[in-house]
Every structure is written in structure tokens, then in C-alpha cells.
Protein backbone atom coordinates (compact mmCIF):
# COMPACT_ATOMS: atom_id res chain seq x y z
CA UNK A 1 -9.01 31.67 61.32
CA UNK A 2 -11.03 34.44 59.76
CA UNK A 3 -14.47 34.06 58.26
CA UNK A 4 -13.14 34.91 54.83
CA UNK A 5 -11.33 32.08 53.14
CA UNK A 6 -8.61 32.77 50.65
CA UNK A 7 -9.71 31.45 47.30
CA UNK A 8 -7.33 30.67 44.52
CA UNK A 9 -7.17 28.83 41.24
CA UNK A 10 -5.96 25.35 40.58
CA UNK A 11 -2.45 25.40 39.17
CA UNK A 12 -2.32 24.64 35.46
CA UNK A 13 -6.05 24.02 35.21
CA UNK A 14 -7.12 27.29 33.65
CA UNK A 15 -5.44 29.97 31.63
CA UNK A 16 -5.65 33.58 32.67
CA UNK A 17 -5.70 34.62 29.01
CA UNK A 18 -8.95 35.21 27.17
CA UNK A 19 -9.75 34.16 23.65
CA UNK A 20 -11.14 37.54 22.65
CA UNK A 21 -9.57 38.81 19.47
CA UNK A 22 -7.99 35.45 18.61
CA UNK A 23 -8.83 34.01 15.21
CA UNK A 24 -8.02 30.36 14.47
CA UNK A 25 -5.96 29.57 11.40
CA UNK A 26 -7.99 28.76 8.28
CA UNK A 27 -8.61 25.04 7.93
CA UNK A 28 -10.03 22.56 5.49
CA UNK A 29 -11.68 19.22 6.15
CA UNK A 30 -10.59 16.49 3.75
CA UNK A 31 -12.35 13.18 3.15
CA UNK A 32 -10.58 9.90 2.52
CA UNK A 33 -12.22 6.57 1.78
CA UNK A 34 -10.94 3.01 2.25
CA UNK A 35 -11.61 0.22 -0.24
CA UNK A 36 -14.25 -1.25 2.07
CA UNK A 37 -16.13 2.07 2.18
CA UNK A 38 -14.88 3.36 5.54
CA UNK A 39 -14.80 7.17 5.56
CA UNK A 40 -11.96 9.08 7.20
CA UNK A 41 -12.14 12.84 7.77
CA UNK A 42 -8.92 14.75 8.47
CA UNK A 43 -8.54 18.47 9.18
CA UNK A 44 -5.58 20.24 7.58
CA UNK A 45 -4.40 23.82 7.41
CA UNK A 46 -5.64 25.55 4.28
CA UNK A 47 -1.98 26.05 3.29
CA UNK A 48 -0.99 22.39 3.78
CA UNK A 49 -0.22 20.02 0.94
CA UNK A 50 -2.84 17.26 1.02
CA UNK A 51 -1.38 13.71 0.84
CA UNK A 52 -3.15 11.37 -1.61
CA UNK A 53 -3.13 8.45 0.88
CA UNK A 54 -3.94 8.47 4.61
CA UNK A 55 -3.72 5.58 7.08
CA UNK A 56 -6.91 5.33 9.13
CA UNK A 57 -7.09 4.55 12.85
CA UNK A 58 -7.93 0.96 11.94
CA UNK A 59 -4.66 0.67 9.98
CA UNK A 60 -6.21 0.59 6.51
CA UNK A 61 -5.02 2.81 3.67
CA UNK A 62 -7.59 5.37 2.58
CA UNK A 63 -7.48 7.25 -0.72
CA UNK A 64 -8.35 10.91 -1.16
CA UNK A 65 -11.92 11.35 -2.40
CA UNK A 66 -11.95 13.10 -5.81
CA UNK A 67 -8.17 12.91 -5.88
CA UNK A 68 -5.71 11.26 -8.21
CA UNK A 69 -4.63 7.72 -7.43
CA UNK A 70 -0.94 7.73 -6.41
CA UNK A 71 1.55 6.05 -8.72
CA UNK A 72 4.14 3.83 -6.97
CA UNK A 73 6.21 2.97 -10.04
CA UNK A 74 9.27 4.89 -8.76
CA UNK A 75 9.64 2.76 -5.64
CA UNK A 76 12.36 0.11 -5.53
CA UNK A 77 11.45 -3.44 -4.68
CA UNK A 78 12.38 -4.33 -1.12
CA UNK A 79 15.55 -6.39 -0.97
CA UNK A 80 15.81 -8.96 1.78
CA UNK A 81 18.99 -10.32 3.35
CA UNK A 82 18.51 -13.49 1.31
CA UNK A 83 18.33 -11.49 -1.94
CA UNK A 84 21.55 -9.65 -1.11
CA UNK A 85 23.25 -12.93 -0.17
CA UNK A 86 22.26 -14.47 -3.50
CA UNK A 87 23.82 -11.50 -5.28
CA UNK A 88 27.19 -12.38 -3.71
CA UNK A 89 27.10 -16.18 -3.65
CA UNK A 90 25.57 -19.01 -5.67
CA UNK A 91 23.51 -21.78 -4.09
CA UNK A 92 26.29 -24.41 -4.42
CA UNK A 93 28.73 -22.00 -2.70
CA UNK A 94 26.25 -21.41 0.13
CA UNK A 95 25.71 -25.15 0.56
CA UNK A 96 29.50 -25.71 0.75
CA UNK A 97 29.91 -22.92 3.35
CA UNK A 98 27.07 -24.38 5.40
CA UNK A 99 28.62 -27.85 5.29
CA UNK A 100 32.04 -26.46 6.34
CA UNK A 101 30.51 -24.57 9.28
CA UNK A 102 28.50 -27.60 10.39
CA UNK A 103 31.68 -29.72 10.28
CA UNK A 104 33.53 -27.19 12.46
CA UNK A 105 30.62 -27.06 14.90
CA UNK A 106 30.40 -30.86 15.14
CA UNK A 107 34.15 -31.11 15.74
CA UNK A 108 33.94 -28.56 18.59
CA UNK A 109 31.08 -30.45 20.20
CA UNK A 110 32.97 -33.71 19.86
CA UNK A 111 36.06 -32.23 21.55
CA UNK A 112 34.01 -30.84 24.44
CA UNK A 113 32.30 -34.18 25.11
CA UNK A 114 35.59 -36.10 25.37
CA UNK A 115 37.26 -33.53 27.63
């Protein structure tokens, strides 16, 4: 082997391009604050629309500092399966259906035990 070793670069570790002449996009740093006083800083593009609410890394909702408080009056109330069921049936009807189903289930179990 020769005295000179062949030196190369690690694959994928470094780019051959330089950053000369490259200008980053204009940005803005926005501050949000939770109800308990936790501050959250988020960097957005200067062209981006800033949301009034941001969820912090701790999972708390933070409101935009010096921003308007969002209005949630347009949102529908969440309907559960129980709410939708009550729209179709009354409580006495549901109790009757439950009793019928329990009777059918008990009869099946009784037939299986005797067989």
C-alpha cells in the first residue's frame, strides 16, 4: 500500500454546496402566553397568517400576546352517540329494546346449557 492514503468524505454527512449568496426567508418571532404565565415563542414566515391560539409543548393552549381573543361561538356542540340515539328513540323505547334483547340472550344461553 502506498504512503498516501485516499481520503474521502462521509456519505450524507456534509453538503458540497456553500451558503454564500443564500439569504434566508424573512421571519418573525411571535409570543404566546398560557393562562398560568408560561411563555411560548414560535417563529413564522413574515408572510404567514398568525393563528390566535397555539398549543404549547406541555399541551396547554396559549393565546397570542397583544392579539384578539378568538371567538368560538360558531362551533357546534359535540354530539355523542347517546345524544344521537336520544334523537331517534325515547327512554321507554330504549328500555323496551334492551329488555327484548336481554330476553333473547337469556333464551340462547338457556338453550346452550341444556344441549
